[in-house]
């Protein structure tokens, strides 16, 4: 069967996450419904690079799926894009080898997390950034963020319920950017991230920046694997899956 790789964007506000669920609206079910209709009623299953949680957004999620017959990729992209709801868009569709897998062949992922530090909550930012009103020491946060970089066992920053056994990941960089006096963007780039890992790291970094946790909390947590000393899981609305990268030679057909 011909295999296709699609890059999609979505606003996760009105979905219970990416993964198909019983009695809940999901990104997966919504796209599969459209593909099944385009496939003459025959069921189509999509496979993502990873599953995002309820309220989490994506600018560069990658999926793959198989169809029984070859399709013009631009016509397929256009059909998918126009028939999906307005909070899901399809920016690219490519033909790939039948050995391509969106999840298992991903070599790098980048997430962005947005924080609004305004005194009052903006109704126009509330769905796309986490509101945090405590004064933050960015120098402390940047110093603590360097303890994330490198190859570590991130079990302590993985939420309960993950089926993944090997929780060692390599984080290439964590960057904290000041977009305005009240807007922060945190960039996390690595070879992969565990279930709610970025949000747990963010919750810890925010507590460190607010002076509620010691600056060496992340370093200590990675060493001791003690979940009791880390911060809470940060809110989902500030998180965006921005890019998923692959070894391009493995994508070719």
Protein backbone atom coordinates (compact mmCIF):
# COMPACT_ATOMS: atom_id res chain seq x y z
CA UNK A 1 0.00 0.00 0.00
CA UNK A 2 1.23 3.53 -0.71
CA UNK A 3 2.24 5.33 2.50
CA UNK A 4 1.88 9.03 3.13
CA UNK A 5 3.50 11.39 5.61
CA UNK A 6 1.51 14.47 6.57
CA UNK A 7 2.50 17.54 8.58
CA UNK A 8 -0.45 18.96 10.47
CA UNK A 9 -1.28 21.86 12.75
CA UNK A 10 -4.03 22.00 15.33
CA UNK A 11 -5.51 24.02 18.14
CA UNK A 12 -5.93 21.47 20.90
CA UNK A 13 -8.39 23.53 22.96
CA UNK A 14 -11.53 21.61 22.03
CA UNK A 15 -10.01 18.13 21.95
CA UNK A 16 -9.33 15.53 24.64
CA UNK A 17 -5.83 15.06 23.21
CA UNK A 18 -4.49 13.47 20.07
CA UNK A 19 -5.27 9.82 20.80
CA UNK A 20 -8.65 8.35 19.93
CA UNK A 21 -10.78 7.96 23.07
CA UNK A 22 -14.20 6.61 23.97
CA UNK A 23 -16.88 9.29 24.25
CA UNK A 24 -14.41 12.13 23.74
CA UNK A 25 -13.41 14.22 20.73
CA UNK A 26 -9.82 13.61 19.61
CA UNK A 27 -7.52 14.82 16.85
CA UNK A 28 -6.95 11.23 15.69
CA UNK A 29 -10.63 10.38 15.35
CA UNK A 30 -11.36 13.62 13.52
CA UNK A 31 -8.65 13.11 10.89
CA UNK A 32 -9.37 9.39 10.51
CA UNK A 33 -13.03 10.18 9.86
CA UNK A 34 -12.05 12.49 7.01
CA UNK A 35 -9.54 10.01 5.55
CA UNK A 36 -12.07 7.18 5.73
CA UNK A 37 -14.56 9.30 3.80
CA UNK A 38 -11.89 10.13 1.20
CA UNK A 39 -11.10 6.41 1.01
CA UNK A 40 -14.61 5.46 -0.03
CA UNK A 41 -15.67 4.41 3.45
CA UNK A 42 -12.77 2.04 4.07
CA UNK A 43 -11.20 2.62 7.49
CA UNK A 44 -7.86 4.47 7.63
CA UNK A 45 -5.66 4.53 10.73
CA UNK A 46 -3.15 7.32 11.32
CA UNK A 47 0.06 7.05 13.34
CA UNK A 48 1.49 10.21 14.96
CA UNK A 49 5.03 11.13 15.95
CA UNK A 50 3.67 11.31 19.49
CA UNK A 51 0.45 11.90 21.38
CA UNK A 52 -0.32 15.35 22.68
CA UNK A 53 -2.55 15.87 25.73
CA UNK A 54 -5.85 17.67 26.06
CA UNK A 55 -5.39 21.39 25.41
CA UNK A 56 -1.91 21.03 23.87
CA UNK A 57 -1.35 22.51 20.40
CA UNK A 58 0.78 21.59 17.40
CA UNK A 59 2.44 23.58 14.63
CA UNK A 60 4.39 20.65 13.20
CA UNK A 61 2.85 17.33 14.24
CA UNK A 62 3.70 14.51 11.81
CA UNK A 63 1.49 11.53 11.02
CA UNK A 64 1.63 8.67 8.55
CA UNK A 65 -1.11 6.53 7.01
CA UNK A 66 -1.63 4.03 4.21
CA UNK A 67 -4.11 4.18 1.33
CA UNK A 68 -4.91 1.35 -1.09
CA UNK A 69 -4.15 3.44 -4.17
CA UNK A 70 -1.61 6.12 -5.03
CA UNK A 71 -2.89 9.69 -4.79
CA UNK A 72 -1.65 13.04 -6.00
CA UNK A 73 -0.12 14.44 -2.82
CA UNK A 74 -1.25 18.05 -3.28
CA UNK A 75 -4.83 17.01 -4.10
CA UNK A 76 -4.80 14.75 -1.05
CA UNK A 77 -3.44 17.56 1.13
CA UNK A 78 -6.07 19.98 -0.18
CA UNK A 79 -8.91 17.50 0.39
CA UNK A 80 -7.75 16.75 3.93
CA UNK A 81 -7.17 20.41 4.75
CA UNK A 82 -10.54 21.61 3.50
CA UNK A 83 -12.58 18.77 5.00
CA UNK A 84 -11.02 18.90 8.46
CA UNK A 85 -12.52 21.35 10.99
CA UNK A 86 -11.09 24.86 11.02
CA UNK A 87 -8.97 24.10 14.11
CA UNK A 88 -7.01 21.42 12.22
CA UNK A 89 -4.97 22.15 9.10
CA UNK A 90 -2.77 20.04 6.85
CA UNK A 91 0.29 21.91 5.62
CA UNK A 92 2.06 19.14 3.69
CA UNK A 93 1.53 15.59 2.39
CA UNK A 94 4.40 13.51 0.99
CA UNK A 95 4.74 10.02 -0.45
CA UNK A 96 7.16 7.99 1.67
CA UNK A 97 8.59 4.49 1.81
CA UNK A 98 6.39 1.82 3.37
CA UNK A 99 9.09 1.47 6.03
CA UNK A 100 8.62 5.06 7.21
CA UNK A 101 7.13 5.41 10.69
CA UNK A 102 6.19 8.81 12.11
CA UNK A 103 6.96 7.81 15.68
CA UNK A 104 9.81 5.31 15.59
CA UNK A 105 11.95 7.09 12.99
CA UNK A 106 11.73 10.58 14.52
CA UNK A 107 15.23 11.82 15.38
CA UNK A 108 14.44 15.17 17.00
CA UNK A 109 11.50 17.11 18.39
CA UNK A 110 11.10 20.74 19.35
CA UNK A 111 8.49 22.06 21.77
CA UNK A 112 7.71 25.64 22.68
CA UNK A 113 6.05 26.65 25.94
CA UNK A 114 4.58 30.14 26.32
CA UNK A 115 4.13 31.95 29.62
CA UNK A 116 2.15 35.15 30.16
CA UNK A 117 3.39 37.06 33.22
CA UNK A 118 0.85 39.90 33.03
CA UNK A 119 -0.80 41.00 36.26
CA UNK A 120 -4.20 40.17 34.75
CA UNK A 121 -5.17 37.29 32.50
CA UNK A 122 -5.71 38.26 28.87
CA UNK A 123 -8.79 36.64 27.27
CA UNK A 124 -6.87 36.59 23.99
CA UNK A 125 -3.88 34.65 25.37
CA UNK A 126 -5.65 32.32 27.78
CA UNK A 127 -5.82 29.40 25.35
CA UNK A 128 -2.24 29.69 24.08
CA UNK A 129 -0.07 30.57 27.06
CA UNK A 130 0.08 29.75 30.75
CA UNK A 131 -0.68 32.66 33.04
CA UNK A 132 1.90 32.96 35.84
CA UNK A 133 1.90 36.11 37.97
CA UNK A 134 4.81 35.47 40.34
CA UNK A 135 7.96 37.50 39.68
CA UNK A 136 10.47 35.27 37.91
CA UNK A 137 14.26 35.33 38.17
CA UNK A 138 15.23 34.48 34.59
CA UNK A 139 18.92 34.14 35.40
CA UNK A 140 18.12 31.42 37.93
CA UNK A 141 15.82 29.69 35.49
CA UNK A 142 18.43 29.75 32.73
CA UNK A 143 21.02 28.31 35.08
CA UNK A 144 18.64 25.56 36.22
CA UNK A 145 17.62 24.82 32.62
CA UNK A 146 21.20 23.80 31.79
CA UNK A 147 20.79 20.84 34.17
CA UNK A 148 18.18 19.48 31.73
CA UNK A 149 20.59 19.50 28.78
CA UNK A 150 22.37 16.21 28.08
CA UNK A 151 21.48 12.54 28.26
CA UNK A 152 19.62 11.60 31.43
CA UNK A 153 17.14 9.12 32.86
CA UNK A 154 14.08 11.40 32.96
CA UNK A 155 11.84 8.97 34.86
CA UNK A 156 11.29 11.58 37.59
CA UNK A 157 9.88 13.96 34.97
CA UNK A 158 7.56 11.39 33.39
CA UNK A 159 3.93 11.28 34.50
CA UNK A 160 2.38 8.05 35.76
CA UNK A 161 0.76 6.02 33.00
CA UNK A 162 3.52 6.00 30.41
CA UNK A 163 3.99 2.57 28.79
CA UNK A 164 7.57 3.45 27.75
CA UNK A 165 10.18 1.37 29.55
CA UNK A 166 13.37 3.18 28.52
CA UNK A 167 13.07 6.70 29.90
CA UNK A 168 16.53 7.91 28.92
CA UNK A 169 16.39 10.90 26.60
CA UNK A 170 18.86 13.44 25.24
CA UNK A 171 17.90 17.10 25.44
CA UNK A 172 20.01 19.23 23.10
CA UNK A 173 18.99 22.65 24.33
CA UNK A 174 16.62 24.59 26.56
CA UNK A 175 16.35 28.28 25.72
CA UNK A 176 14.35 30.96 27.54
CA UNK A 177 13.35 33.88 25.32
CA UNK A 178 11.79 37.19 26.36
CA UNK A 179 9.29 38.05 23.63
CA UNK A 180 8.03 41.13 25.47
CA UNK A 181 8.07 42.43 29.06
CA UNK A 182 5.21 40.03 29.87
CA UNK A 183 5.74 37.16 27.40
CA UNK A 184 8.21 34.31 27.70
CA UNK A 185 8.93 31.43 25.32
CA UNK A 186 10.73 28.30 26.48
CA UNK A 187 12.30 26.18 23.72
CA UNK A 188 12.94 22.49 24.36
CA UNK A 189 14.81 20.54 21.67
CA UNK A 190 15.82 16.90 22.02
CA UNK A 191 15.71 13.42 20.56
CA UNK A 192 12.39 12.74 22.30
CA UNK A 193 10.25 13.60 25.30
CA UNK A 194 8.33 11.45 27.77
CA UNK A 195 4.69 11.66 28.82
CA UNK A 196 4.15 15.19 30.24
CA UNK A 197 7.94 15.62 30.53
CA UNK A 198 8.02 19.18 29.18
CA UNK A 199 5.14 20.26 31.40
CA UNK A 200 6.76 18.76 34.51
CA UNK A 201 10.04 20.47 33.65
CA UNK A 202 8.17 23.73 33.11
CA UNK A 203 6.36 23.44 36.43
CA UNK A 204 9.71 22.95 38.12
CA UNK A 205 11.45 25.79 36.28
CA UNK A 206 8.64 28.20 37.14
CA UNK A 207 8.86 27.28 40.83
CA UNK A 208 12.63 27.80 40.73
CA UNK A 209 12.21 31.16 39.02
CA UNK A 210 9.67 32.24 41.63
CA UNK A 211 12.04 31.27 44.46
CA UNK A 212 9.82 28.43 45.64
CA UNK A 213 12.35 25.67 44.83
CA UNK A 214 16.17 25.57 45.08
CA UNK A 215 18.12 26.29 41.91
CA UNK A 216 19.60 22.75 41.93
CA UNK A 217 16.20 21.01 42.11
CA UNK A 218 16.39 19.57 38.60
CA UNK A 219 19.93 18.31 39.10
CA UNK A 220 18.96 16.71 42.42
CA UNK A 221 15.78 15.20 41.01
CA UNK A 222 17.63 13.57 38.11
CA UNK A 223 20.14 12.15 40.56
CA UNK A 224 17.69 10.90 43.21
CA UNK A 225 14.57 10.31 41.06
CA UNK A 226 12.52 11.79 43.89
CA UNK A 227 9.22 13.10 42.49
CA UNK A 228 8.32 14.78 45.75
CA UNK A 229 10.86 17.56 45.25
CA UNK A 230 9.85 18.69 41.74
CA UNK A 231 7.22 21.21 40.72
CA UNK A 232 3.68 20.50 39.52
CA UNK A 233 2.66 19.74 35.96
CA UNK A 234 2.36 23.05 34.11
CA UNK A 235 -0.90 23.88 32.37
CA UNK A 236 -1.35 22.39 28.87
CA UNK A 237 -2.44 25.48 26.96
CA UNK A 238 1.07 26.96 26.82
CA UNK A 239 2.57 23.93 25.06
CA UNK A 240 3.12 23.60 21.31
CA UNK A 241 4.73 20.75 19.37
CA UNK A 242 6.62 22.83 16.84
CA UNK A 243 8.76 20.47 14.76
CA UNK A 244 9.56 16.79 14.27
CA UNK A 245 12.69 15.89 12.30
CA UNK A 246 13.71 12.72 10.50
CA UNK A 247 16.68 11.26 8.68
CA UNK A 248 15.51 12.25 5.21
CA UNK A 249 17.23 9.32 3.52
CA UNK A 250 14.88 6.95 5.33
CA UNK A 251 11.83 8.80 4.02
CA UNK A 252 12.59 8.34 0.35
CA UNK A 253 10.56 5.93 -1.79
